[in-house]
Amino acid sequence: MKFRVFDSEGDDLAYGCTKLYNLCYTEDGKDFKFTTDYDQMREWLNEPNVLWVGHNSIRHDMVVFNRILGIILTYQQF
């Protein structure tokens, strides 16, 4: 399993957010992946065998990803 430490930025907090500006992550703390493309975000977030690690990800990021990107994520993935 891969561990990815991530952060995302949007135009508001969880339920007020209407746009994601970016998603970035690292697996080793040295190399960072960054995108502003929603299709790329969906691809990354749907990759199997990845545990996403982030600050407040259940109450914010997961809510925003589900609403804005239209994908179904659960807390077990975060």
N, C-alpha and C. Protein backbone atom coordinates (compact mmCIF):
# COMPACT_ATOMS: atom_id res chain seq x y z
N MET A 1 0.83 -1.18 0.00
CA MET A 1 0.00 0.00 0.00
C MET A 1 0.87 1.25 0.00
N LYS A 2 0.47 2.24 -0.78
CA LYS A 2 1.16 3.52 -0.81
C LYS A 2 0.52 4.45 0.22
N PHE A 3 1.34 5.29 0.82
CA PHE A 3 0.87 6.33 1.71
C PHE A 3 1.15 7.67 1.03
N ARG A 4 0.12 8.48 0.89
CA ARG A 4 0.28 9.79 0.26
C ARG A 4 -0.19 10.88 1.22
N VAL A 5 0.71 11.77 1.57
CA VAL A 5 0.37 12.93 2.38
C VAL A 5 -0.04 14.02 1.40
N PHE A 6 -1.23 14.58 1.61
CA PHE A 6 -1.79 15.48 0.60
C PHE A 6 -2.37 16.74 1.22
N ASP A 7 -2.65 17.69 0.33
CA ASP A 7 -3.39 18.88 0.69
C ASP A 7 -4.15 19.34 -0.56
N SER A 8 -5.30 19.94 -0.32
CA SER A 8 -6.06 20.52 -1.42
C SER A 8 -6.46 21.93 -1.00
N GLU A 9 -6.71 22.75 -1.98
CA GLU A 9 -7.14 24.13 -1.73
C GLU A 9 -8.37 24.41 -2.57
N GLY A 10 -9.33 25.08 -1.96
CA GLY A 10 -10.56 25.45 -2.66
C GLY A 10 -10.98 26.85 -2.29
N ASP A 11 -12.14 27.24 -2.79
CA ASP A 11 -12.60 28.61 -2.59
C ASP A 11 -13.40 28.83 -1.31
N ASP A 12 -13.60 27.77 -0.50
CA ASP A 12 -14.33 27.91 0.75
C ASP A 12 -14.14 26.63 1.56
N LEU A 13 -14.77 26.59 2.72
CA LEU A 13 -14.74 25.39 3.55
C LEU A 13 -15.68 24.34 2.98
N ALA A 14 -15.69 23.17 3.57
CA ALA A 14 -16.33 21.97 3.03
C ALA A 14 -17.64 22.20 2.28
N TYR A 15 -18.68 22.65 2.96
CA TYR A 15 -20.00 22.72 2.32
C TYR A 15 -20.23 24.00 1.54
N GLY A 16 -19.35 24.96 1.66
CA GLY A 16 -19.46 26.18 0.88
C GLY A 16 -18.57 26.18 -0.34
N CYS A 17 -17.71 25.20 -0.46
CA CYS A 17 -16.73 25.14 -1.55
C CYS A 17 -17.43 24.85 -2.88
N THR A 18 -17.08 25.62 -3.90
CA THR A 18 -17.63 25.42 -5.24
C THR A 18 -16.55 25.14 -6.27
N LYS A 19 -15.27 25.29 -5.88
CA LYS A 19 -14.18 25.10 -6.83
C LYS A 19 -12.93 24.63 -6.08
N LEU A 20 -12.26 23.64 -6.65
CA LEU A 20 -10.95 23.23 -6.16
C LEU A 20 -9.87 23.92 -6.97
N TYR A 21 -8.93 24.52 -6.29
CA TYR A 21 -7.82 25.16 -6.99
C TYR A 21 -6.71 24.18 -7.31
N ASN A 22 -6.44 23.25 -6.38
CA ASN A 22 -5.36 22.29 -6.63
C ASN A 22 -5.44 21.11 -5.67
N LEU A 23 -4.70 20.09 -6.01
CA LEU A 23 -4.46 18.92 -5.17
C LEU A 23 -2.98 18.59 -5.32
N CYS A 24 -2.31 18.41 -4.20
CA CYS A 24 -0.90 18.01 -4.25
C CYS A 24 -0.65 16.92 -3.22
N TYR A 25 0.37 16.10 -3.49
CA TYR A 25 0.72 15.05 -2.55
C TYR A 25 2.18 14.68 -2.68
N THR A 26 2.65 13.96 -1.66
CA THR A 26 4.00 13.40 -1.67
C THR A 26 3.94 12.01 -1.05
N GLU A 27 4.82 11.14 -1.51
CA GLU A 27 4.95 9.81 -0.92
C GLU A 27 6.24 9.70 -0.11
N ASP A 28 7.17 10.63 -0.31
CA ASP A 28 8.47 10.53 0.36
C ASP A 28 8.92 11.81 1.04
N GLY A 29 8.14 12.87 0.93
CA GLY A 29 8.50 14.14 1.54
C GLY A 29 9.51 14.95 0.74
N LYS A 30 9.92 14.44 -0.40
CA LYS A 30 10.90 15.13 -1.23
C LYS A 30 10.32 15.49 -2.60
N ASP A 31 9.67 14.53 -3.23
CA ASP A 31 9.06 14.75 -4.54
C ASP A 31 7.57 14.99 -4.36
N PHE A 32 7.06 16.04 -5.00
CA PHE A 32 5.66 16.42 -4.87
C PHE A 32 4.98 16.39 -6.22
N LYS A 33 3.76 15.87 -6.23
CA LYS A 33 2.90 15.89 -7.42
C LYS A 33 1.86 16.98 -7.19
N PHE A 34 1.52 17.70 -8.24
CA PHE A 34 0.62 18.84 -8.14
C PHE A 34 -0.25 18.89 -9.38
N THR A 35 -1.54 19.15 -9.19
CA THR A 35 -2.42 19.33 -10.35
C THR A 35 -3.54 20.30 -10.04
N THR A 36 -4.02 20.94 -11.10
CA THR A 36 -5.22 21.78 -11.03
C THR A 36 -6.33 21.16 -11.88
N ASP A 37 -6.04 20.04 -12.51
CA ASP A 37 -6.96 19.38 -13.44
C ASP A 37 -7.87 18.40 -12.70
N TYR A 38 -9.18 18.58 -12.82
CA TYR A 38 -10.13 17.72 -12.11
C TYR A 38 -10.03 16.26 -12.54
N ASP A 39 -9.81 16.00 -13.82
CA ASP A 39 -9.68 14.61 -14.28
C ASP A 39 -8.46 13.94 -13.66
N GLN A 40 -7.36 14.68 -13.55
CA GLN A 40 -6.15 14.14 -12.91
C GLN A 40 -6.42 13.87 -11.42
N MET A 41 -7.15 14.78 -10.76
CA MET A 41 -7.49 14.58 -9.35
C MET A 41 -8.30 13.30 -9.18
N ARG A 42 -9.30 13.10 -10.04
CA ARG A 42 -10.12 11.89 -9.96
C ARG A 42 -9.27 10.64 -10.16
N GLU A 43 -8.36 10.69 -11.12
CA GLU A 43 -7.49 9.55 -11.39
C GLU A 43 -6.65 9.22 -10.16
N TRP A 44 -6.01 10.23 -9.58
CA TRP A 44 -5.19 10.01 -8.39
C TRP A 44 -6.01 9.44 -7.24
N LEU A 45 -7.16 10.05 -6.97
CA LEU A 45 -7.96 9.67 -5.81
C LEU A 45 -8.60 8.29 -5.96
N ASN A 46 -8.77 7.83 -7.18
CA ASN A 46 -9.35 6.51 -7.41
C ASN A 46 -8.32 5.41 -7.59
N GLU A 47 -7.05 5.75 -7.48
CA GLU A 47 -6.00 4.75 -7.63
C GLU A 47 -6.10 3.73 -6.48
N PRO A 48 -6.06 2.43 -6.80
CA PRO A 48 -6.19 1.42 -5.74
C PRO A 48 -4.94 1.34 -4.85
N ASN A 49 -5.13 0.82 -3.65
CA ASN A 49 -4.05 0.57 -2.69
C ASN A 49 -3.28 1.82 -2.29
N VAL A 50 -4.02 2.92 -2.10
CA VAL A 50 -3.42 4.17 -1.64
C VAL A 50 -4.16 4.62 -0.39
N LEU A 51 -3.43 4.93 0.64
CA LEU A 51 -4.00 5.53 1.84
C LEU A 51 -3.62 7.00 1.84
N TRP A 52 -4.63 7.87 1.79
CA TRP A 52 -4.43 9.31 1.76
C TRP A 52 -4.38 9.84 3.19
N VAL A 53 -3.36 10.62 3.49
CA VAL A 53 -3.16 11.16 4.84
C VAL A 53 -3.17 12.67 4.75
N GLY A 54 -4.05 13.30 5.53
CA GLY A 54 -4.14 14.75 5.49
C GLY A 54 -4.75 15.32 6.75
N HIS A 55 -4.63 16.62 6.90
CA HIS A 55 -5.21 17.33 8.03
C HIS A 55 -6.68 17.62 7.77
N ASN A 56 -7.55 17.19 8.66
CA ASN A 56 -8.99 17.43 8.57
C ASN A 56 -9.59 16.89 7.28
N SER A 57 -9.03 15.81 6.78
CA SER A 57 -9.45 15.28 5.47
C SER A 57 -10.86 14.70 5.48
N ILE A 58 -11.31 14.15 6.60
CA ILE A 58 -12.65 13.56 6.64
C ILE A 58 -13.73 14.65 6.64
N ARG A 59 -13.50 15.71 7.39
CA ARG A 59 -14.53 16.77 7.51
C ARG A 59 -14.41 17.83 6.42
N HIS A 60 -13.32 17.84 5.69
CA HIS A 60 -13.19 18.85 4.63
C HIS A 60 -12.90 18.23 3.26
N ASP A 61 -11.71 17.69 3.08
CA ASP A 61 -11.29 17.24 1.75
C ASP A 61 -12.23 16.18 1.17
N MET A 62 -12.58 15.17 1.95
CA MET A 62 -13.44 14.11 1.44
C MET A 62 -14.80 14.68 1.02
N VAL A 63 -15.34 15.60 1.81
CA VAL A 63 -16.62 16.24 1.48
C VAL A 63 -16.50 17.00 0.16
N VAL A 64 -15.44 17.77 0.02
CA VAL A 64 -15.24 18.57 -1.20
C VAL A 64 -14.99 17.66 -2.40
N PHE A 65 -14.16 16.64 -2.25
CA PHE A 65 -13.90 15.73 -3.37
C PHE A 65 -15.19 15.06 -3.83
N ASN A 66 -16.00 14.60 -2.88
CA ASN A 66 -17.27 13.96 -3.24
C ASN A 66 -18.19 14.94 -3.96
N ARG A 67 -18.31 16.17 -3.46
CA ARG A 67 -19.22 17.15 -4.05
C ARG A 67 -18.71 17.71 -5.38
N ILE A 68 -17.47 18.16 -5.40
CA ILE A 68 -16.95 18.87 -6.58
C ILE A 68 -16.53 17.90 -7.69
N LEU A 69 -15.86 16.81 -7.31
CA LEU A 69 -15.36 15.88 -8.31
C LEU A 69 -16.37 14.80 -8.67
N GLY A 70 -17.42 14.67 -7.85
CA GLY A 70 -18.47 13.69 -8.16
C GLY A 70 -18.02 12.26 -7.99
N ILE A 71 -17.08 12.01 -7.10
CA ILE A 71 -16.64 10.64 -6.84
C ILE A 71 -17.03 10.25 -5.42
N ILE A 72 -17.21 8.98 -5.20
CA ILE A 72 -17.61 8.49 -3.89
C ILE A 72 -16.37 8.00 -3.15
N LEU A 73 -16.03 8.70 -2.09
CA LEU A 73 -14.91 8.31 -1.24
C LEU A 73 -15.44 8.07 0.16
N THR A 74 -14.82 7.16 0.87
CA THR A 74 -15.21 6.89 2.25
C THR A 74 -14.03 7.15 3.17
N TYR A 75 -14.31 7.24 4.47
CA TYR A 75 -13.24 7.53 5.41
C TYR A 75 -12.19 6.43 5.45
N GLN A 76 -12.51 5.21 5.05
CA GLN A 76 -11.51 4.15 5.03
C GLN A 76 -10.41 4.43 4.00
N GLN A 77 -10.70 5.27 3.03
CA GLN A 77 -9.71 5.61 2.01
C GLN A 77 -8.80 6.74 2.48
N PHE A 78 -9.16 7.37 3.62
CA PHE A 78 -8.40 8.52 4.12
C PHE A 78 -7.82 8.21 5.47
